[in-house]
Amino acid sequence: MNQPAATDNAIREKLSSYTDPYLSQTLAEAKAVESVTLQNGAVSVGLVLGFPCADYAGELKTALQNHLQPLLGQCRLDLTLRAQITAHAVQRTLKPLGNVKNIVAVASGKGGVGKSTTAANLALAWAAQGAKVGLLDADIYGPSQPLMMGLTGAKPVSEDGKHLTPLRAHGVEVMSIGFMIDQEQPMAWRGPMVTQALTQLLGETNWGELDYLVVDMPPGTGDIQLTLAQRVPVSGAVIVTTPQDIALLDARKGLKMFEKVEVRVLGWWRT
């Protein structure tokens, strides 16, 4: 029977030194190593990662085999991978929603740069990787997620008369003001009405247990957007822009807005 060229402690130490390209940390720094077991000619490794990783096992196994090869000898490597999504900090003046671990705002300084498309794709990508995901269309004046998610004409229901049940598409829970109004009806609302509508959509929707709630924010950086950023407990924000100078200028204003309300900007996406 094949035996590894080292003990399980040596393999664990070598394994812990592997730097994951997505975490930019070693597995030891990420506290990702759950178990290392040698049995019947195999090295069984159990890892836990802090991001959705349903399709990552094959790629990571190949990388770890190369990393551990001097110690594995002729033994095979068995990898068990699971995700453990944790809640991240929100604005100091707000409390996170008890059933939603992380709210991620997708925003843009101006309209027409692909913000709603980015929000939908982000939600779909997380769901495809095994996360529990919701998508809130906060663009009250121009809701587009019903069309994006293939839910045009659908209507949510309320089982208890107090909370709406979100619609589900492609593994994502979806809520939008677009489900409540006629598609051709303009939203001639002032700022306070918009913020109240968003607060109700967020707080009066029965989201269930979510790892991520992606919020498709209205475009712009005015009073409405600032008020929404101050009222919604956000773990992080993604800024969407196009390459044009004027779009980048507005995107920088969006960045400043989130900095003002102490929301961490996770990154930029240029469409």
Protein backbone atom coordinates (compact mmCIF):
# COMPACT_ATOMS: atom_id res chain seq x y z
CA MET A 1 0.00 0.00 0.00
CA ASN A 2 1.32 3.44 -0.91
CA GLN A 3 2.24 5.65 2.01
CA PRO A 4 2.93 9.39 1.97
CA ALA A 5 6.48 10.58 2.25
CA ALA A 6 5.69 12.59 5.41
CA THR A 7 3.43 12.64 8.47
CA ASP A 8 0.05 14.30 8.65
CA ASN A 9 1.58 17.14 10.71
CA ALA A 10 4.15 17.81 8.00
CA ILE A 11 1.44 17.74 5.33
CA ARG A 12 -0.75 20.08 7.40
CA GLU A 13 2.15 22.52 7.81
CA LYS A 14 2.92 22.48 4.09
CA LEU A 15 -0.77 22.79 3.24
CA SER A 16 -1.17 25.77 5.56
CA SER A 17 1.54 27.65 3.68
CA TYR A 18 -0.39 27.55 0.38
CA THR A 19 -1.47 31.04 -0.72
CA ASP A 20 -4.94 31.01 -2.24
CA PRO A 21 -5.12 33.36 -5.26
CA TYR A 22 -8.66 34.50 -4.44
CA LEU A 23 -8.04 35.14 -0.76
CA SER A 24 -4.52 36.57 -1.23
CA GLN A 25 -3.78 34.79 2.05
CA THR A 26 -2.26 31.51 3.09
CA LEU A 27 -4.69 28.83 4.21
CA ALA A 28 -3.29 29.25 7.71
CA GLU A 29 -3.97 33.01 7.69
CA ALA A 30 -7.50 32.35 6.46
CA LYS A 31 -7.97 29.62 9.11
CA ALA A 32 -9.20 27.41 6.31
CA VAL A 33 -7.67 24.04 7.24
CA GLU A 34 -10.26 21.91 9.08
CA SER A 35 -8.73 18.46 8.84
CA VAL A 36 -5.83 16.44 7.42
CA THR A 37 -6.09 12.64 7.61
CA LEU A 38 -3.87 9.86 6.26
CA GLN A 39 -5.70 6.60 5.66
CA ASN A 40 -5.61 3.70 3.16
CA GLY A 41 -3.11 5.30 0.83
CA ALA A 42 -4.93 8.63 0.65
CA VAL A 43 -4.49 12.07 2.15
CA SER A 44 -7.91 13.52 2.97
CA VAL A 45 -8.02 17.30 3.37
CA GLY A 46 -10.99 19.32 4.60
CA LEU A 47 -11.03 23.06 3.93
CA VAL A 48 -13.53 25.81 4.74
CA LEU A 49 -13.50 29.06 2.76
CA GLY A 50 -15.25 32.35 3.41
CA PHE A 51 -16.68 32.75 -0.10
CA PRO A 52 -19.05 30.70 -2.32
CA CYS A 53 -16.93 27.93 -3.83
CA ALA A 54 -19.13 25.23 -5.35
CA ASP A 55 -17.07 25.01 -8.57
CA TYR A 56 -13.68 25.68 -7.03
CA ALA A 57 -12.82 22.20 -5.75
CA GLY A 58 -11.31 20.88 -9.00
CA GLU A 59 -9.07 23.89 -9.59
CA LEU A 60 -7.95 24.02 -5.96
CA LYS A 61 -7.28 20.28 -5.79
CA THR A 62 -4.92 20.49 -8.77
CA ALA A 63 -3.07 23.42 -7.21
CA LEU A 64 -2.76 21.63 -3.85
CA GLN A 65 -1.51 18.43 -5.49
CA ASN A 66 1.33 20.41 -7.07
CA HIS A 67 2.01 22.22 -3.81
CA LEU A 68 2.08 19.00 -1.73
CA GLN A 69 3.60 16.63 -4.30
CA PRO A 70 6.99 16.13 -2.55
CA LEU A 71 5.13 14.96 0.56
CA LEU A 72 2.33 12.95 -1.06
CA GLY A 73 4.52 10.37 -2.75
CA GLN A 74 2.22 7.97 -4.60
CA CYS A 75 -0.79 8.76 -2.44
CA ARG A 76 -3.86 10.40 -3.88
CA LEU A 77 -5.29 13.62 -2.52
CA ASP A 78 -8.97 13.76 -1.55
CA LEU A 79 -10.33 17.28 -1.01
CA THR A 80 -13.54 18.27 0.75
CA LEU A 81 -14.40 21.93 0.34
CA ARG A 82 -17.19 23.89 1.98
CA ALA A 83 -18.15 27.56 2.24
CA GLN A 84 -18.82 29.40 5.47
CA ILE A 85 -20.16 32.87 4.68
CA THR A 86 -19.84 35.26 7.63
CA ALA A 87 -21.42 38.65 8.25
CA HIS A 88 -19.15 41.67 7.74
CA ALA A 89 -19.29 45.03 9.45
CA VAL A 90 -21.81 47.68 8.39
CA GLN A 91 -22.06 51.39 9.14
CA ARG A 92 -21.55 52.14 12.84
CA THR A 93 -24.95 53.86 13.10
CA LEU A 94 -26.87 50.85 11.74
CA LYS A 95 -27.47 47.25 12.71
CA PRO A 96 -27.26 44.40 10.18
CA LEU A 97 -30.45 42.56 9.30
CA GLY A 98 -30.72 39.45 11.41
CA ASN A 99 -31.54 37.09 8.54
CA VAL A 100 -29.23 38.67 5.91
CA LYS A 101 -25.52 38.23 6.49
CA ASN A 102 -24.25 40.75 3.94
CA ILE A 103 -25.87 43.51 1.91
CA VAL A 104 -23.85 44.59 -1.12
CA ALA A 105 -24.86 47.78 -2.92
CA VAL A 106 -24.21 48.08 -6.65
CA ALA A 107 -24.13 51.77 -7.58
CA SER A 108 -23.14 54.14 -10.36
CA GLY A 109 -22.63 57.86 -10.65
CA LYS A 110 -24.77 58.05 -13.78
CA GLY A 111 -27.35 55.92 -15.53
CA GLY A 112 -26.84 53.69 -18.53
CA VAL A 113 -23.44 52.26 -17.54
CA GLY A 114 -24.56 48.67 -16.88
CA LYS A 115 -25.27 48.87 -13.17
CA SER A 116 -28.40 46.72 -13.21
CA THR A 117 -26.74 44.14 -15.46
CA THR A 118 -23.78 43.97 -13.08
CA ALA A 119 -26.08 43.60 -10.06
CA ALA A 120 -28.01 40.75 -11.71
CA ASN A 121 -24.85 38.96 -12.82
CA LEU A 122 -23.29 39.29 -9.36
CA ALA A 123 -26.36 37.77 -7.73
CA LEU A 124 -26.53 34.96 -10.29
CA ALA A 125 -22.82 34.18 -9.95
CA TRP A 126 -23.02 33.88 -6.17
CA ALA A 127 -26.11 31.70 -6.42
CA ALA A 128 -24.41 29.44 -8.97
CA GLN A 129 -21.58 28.94 -6.47
CA GLY A 130 -23.96 27.72 -3.78
CA ALA A 131 -24.74 30.90 -1.82
CA LYS A 132 -28.21 31.94 -0.67
CA VAL A 133 -28.79 35.18 -2.56
CA GLY A 134 -31.43 37.89 -2.83
CA LEU A 135 -31.68 40.77 -5.31
CA LEU A 136 -33.43 44.01 -4.35
CA ASP A 137 -34.21 46.44 -7.16
CA ALA A 138 -33.88 49.83 -5.43
CA ASP A 139 -34.01 51.79 -8.67
CA ILE A 140 -37.50 53.12 -7.97
CA TYR A 141 -37.69 55.42 -11.00
CA GLY A 142 -36.43 52.86 -13.51
CA PRO A 143 -36.79 49.30 -12.19
CA SER A 144 -35.21 46.84 -14.61
CA GLN A 145 -34.68 43.65 -12.60
CA PRO A 146 -38.11 42.16 -13.48
CA LEU A 147 -36.99 42.15 -17.12
CA MET A 148 -33.38 41.19 -16.29
CA MET A 149 -34.49 38.16 -14.26
CA GLY A 150 -37.26 37.07 -16.63
CA LEU A 151 -40.06 37.99 -14.23
CA THR A 152 -41.94 40.62 -16.26
CA GLY A 153 -45.61 40.65 -15.31
CA ALA A 154 -45.13 38.52 -12.19
CA LYS A 155 -46.67 39.66 -8.91
CA PRO A 156 -45.47 38.82 -5.38
CA VAL A 157 -47.98 37.61 -2.78
CA SER A 158 -48.28 38.05 0.98
CA GLU A 159 -49.06 34.97 3.03
CA ASP A 160 -49.52 36.82 6.32
CA GLY A 161 -50.85 40.14 5.04
CA LYS A 162 -47.75 41.95 6.34
CA HIS A 163 -44.73 40.63 4.45
CA LEU A 164 -44.26 40.03 0.75
CA THR A 165 -42.84 36.77 -0.50
CA PRO A 166 -40.07 37.51 -3.03
CA LEU A 167 -40.23 35.97 -6.46
CA ARG A 168 -37.58 33.40 -7.33
CA ALA A 169 -35.62 33.14 -10.56
CA HIS A 170 -32.45 31.18 -11.36
CA GLY A 171 -31.88 30.44 -7.67
CA VAL A 172 -32.18 34.11 -6.60
CA GLU A 173 -34.90 35.73 -4.45
CA VAL A 174 -36.01 38.91 -6.25
CA MET A 175 -38.02 41.95 -5.14
CA SER A 176 -38.67 45.14 -7.12
CA ILE A 177 -41.07 48.07 -7.18
CA GLY A 178 -41.53 47.01 -10.80
CA PHE A 179 -43.67 44.09 -9.57
CA MET A 180 -46.14 46.53 -8.01
CA ILE A 181 -46.71 49.00 -10.86
CA ASP A 182 -47.62 49.00 -14.51
CA GLN A 183 -44.55 48.70 -16.73
CA GLU A 184 -45.42 51.92 -18.59
CA GLN A 185 -46.32 53.94 -15.47
CA PRO A 186 -43.83 56.72 -14.61
CA MET A 187 -42.82 57.05 -10.94
CA ALA A 188 -43.43 60.74 -10.21
CA TRP A 189 -42.30 60.50 -6.59
CA ARG A 190 -40.32 62.91 -4.43
CA GLY A 191 -37.29 61.84 -2.40
CA PRO A 192 -39.06 60.94 0.88
CA MET A 193 -41.51 58.70 -0.96
CA VAL A 194 -38.64 56.90 -2.70
CA THR A 195 -36.72 56.25 0.52
CA GLN A 196 -39.89 55.05 2.24
CA ALA A 197 -40.62 52.67 -0.63
CA LEU A 198 -37.12 51.20 -0.44
CA THR A 199 -37.32 50.83 3.34
CA GLN A 200 -40.59 48.95 2.96
CA LEU A 201 -39.26 46.71 0.19
CA LEU A 202 -36.22 45.87 2.30
CA GLY A 203 -37.90 45.43 5.67
CA GLU A 204 -41.28 44.03 4.65
CA THR A 205 -40.03 41.30 2.33
CA ASN A 206 -39.74 37.80 3.71
CA TRP A 207 -36.20 37.19 2.47
CA GLY A 208 -35.52 34.12 4.57
CA GLU A 209 -31.90 33.33 5.43
CA LEU A 210 -29.52 34.95 2.92
CA ASP A 211 -25.74 35.00 2.60
CA TYR A 212 -25.90 38.02 0.29
CA LEU A 213 -28.53 40.58 -0.64
CA VAL A 214 -27.50 42.53 -3.73
CA VAL A 215 -29.10 45.98 -3.89
CA ASP A 216 -29.38 47.55 -7.35
CA MET A 217 -29.13 51.23 -6.32
CA PRO A 218 -30.60 54.17 -8.24
CA PRO A 219 -28.03 55.98 -10.42
CA GLY A 220 -26.59 59.26 -9.18
CA THR A 221 -25.11 60.68 -6.00
CA GLY A 222 -27.78 63.08 -4.82
CA ASP A 223 -29.93 63.28 -1.71
CA ILE A 224 -31.90 60.13 -2.48
CA GLN A 225 -28.82 57.96 -2.96
CA LEU A 226 -27.12 59.40 0.13
CA THR A 227 -30.22 58.80 2.25
CA LEU A 228 -30.48 55.21 1.04
CA ALA A 229 -26.80 54.59 1.80
CA GLN A 230 -27.35 55.97 5.31
CA ARG A 231 -30.44 53.83 6.01
CA VAL A 232 -29.46 50.46 4.56
CA PRO A 233 -26.91 48.44 6.59
CA VAL A 234 -24.36 47.76 3.84
CA SER A 235 -21.33 45.45 4.11
CA GLY A 236 -19.76 46.78 0.93
CA ALA A 237 -20.37 48.55 -2.36
CA VAL A 238 -19.41 47.99 -5.99
CA ILE A 239 -19.10 51.03 -8.28
CA VAL A 240 -19.99 50.52 -11.95
CA THR A 241 -18.77 52.85 -14.68
CA THR A 242 -17.86 53.10 -18.35
CA PRO A 243 -14.44 54.31 -19.59
CA GLN A 244 -15.54 57.82 -20.59
CA ASP A 245 -14.11 60.68 -18.53
CA ILE A 246 -17.52 62.04 -17.56
CA ALA A 247 -18.67 58.62 -16.36
CA LEU A 248 -15.47 58.18 -14.33
CA LEU A 249 -15.97 61.61 -12.82
CA ASP A 250 -19.45 60.67 -11.64
CA ALA A 251 -18.23 57.29 -10.41
CA ARG A 252 -15.65 59.02 -8.19
CA LYS A 253 -18.51 61.02 -6.69
CA GLY A 254 -20.21 57.73 -5.89
CA LEU A 255 -17.04 56.51 -4.21
CA LYS A 256 -16.92 59.65 -2.07
CA MET A 257 -20.55 59.20 -1.12
CA PHE A 258 -19.93 55.71 0.27
CA GLU A 259 -16.81 56.89 2.07
CA LYS A 260 -18.90 59.63 3.69
CA VAL A 261 -21.31 57.08 5.19
CA GLU A 262 -18.49 54.65 6.12
CA VAL A 263 -19.34 51.95 3.60
CA ARG A 264 -16.36 50.01 2.29
CA VAL A 265 -16.01 50.06 -1.51
CA LEU A 266 -15.20 46.51 -2.60
CA GLY A 267 -14.12 47.53 -6.08
CA TRP A 268 -14.86 49.12 -9.43
CA TRP A 269 -16.40 47.42 -12.44
CA ARG A 270 -15.83 49.07 -15.80
CA THR A 271 -18.27 47.89 -18.45
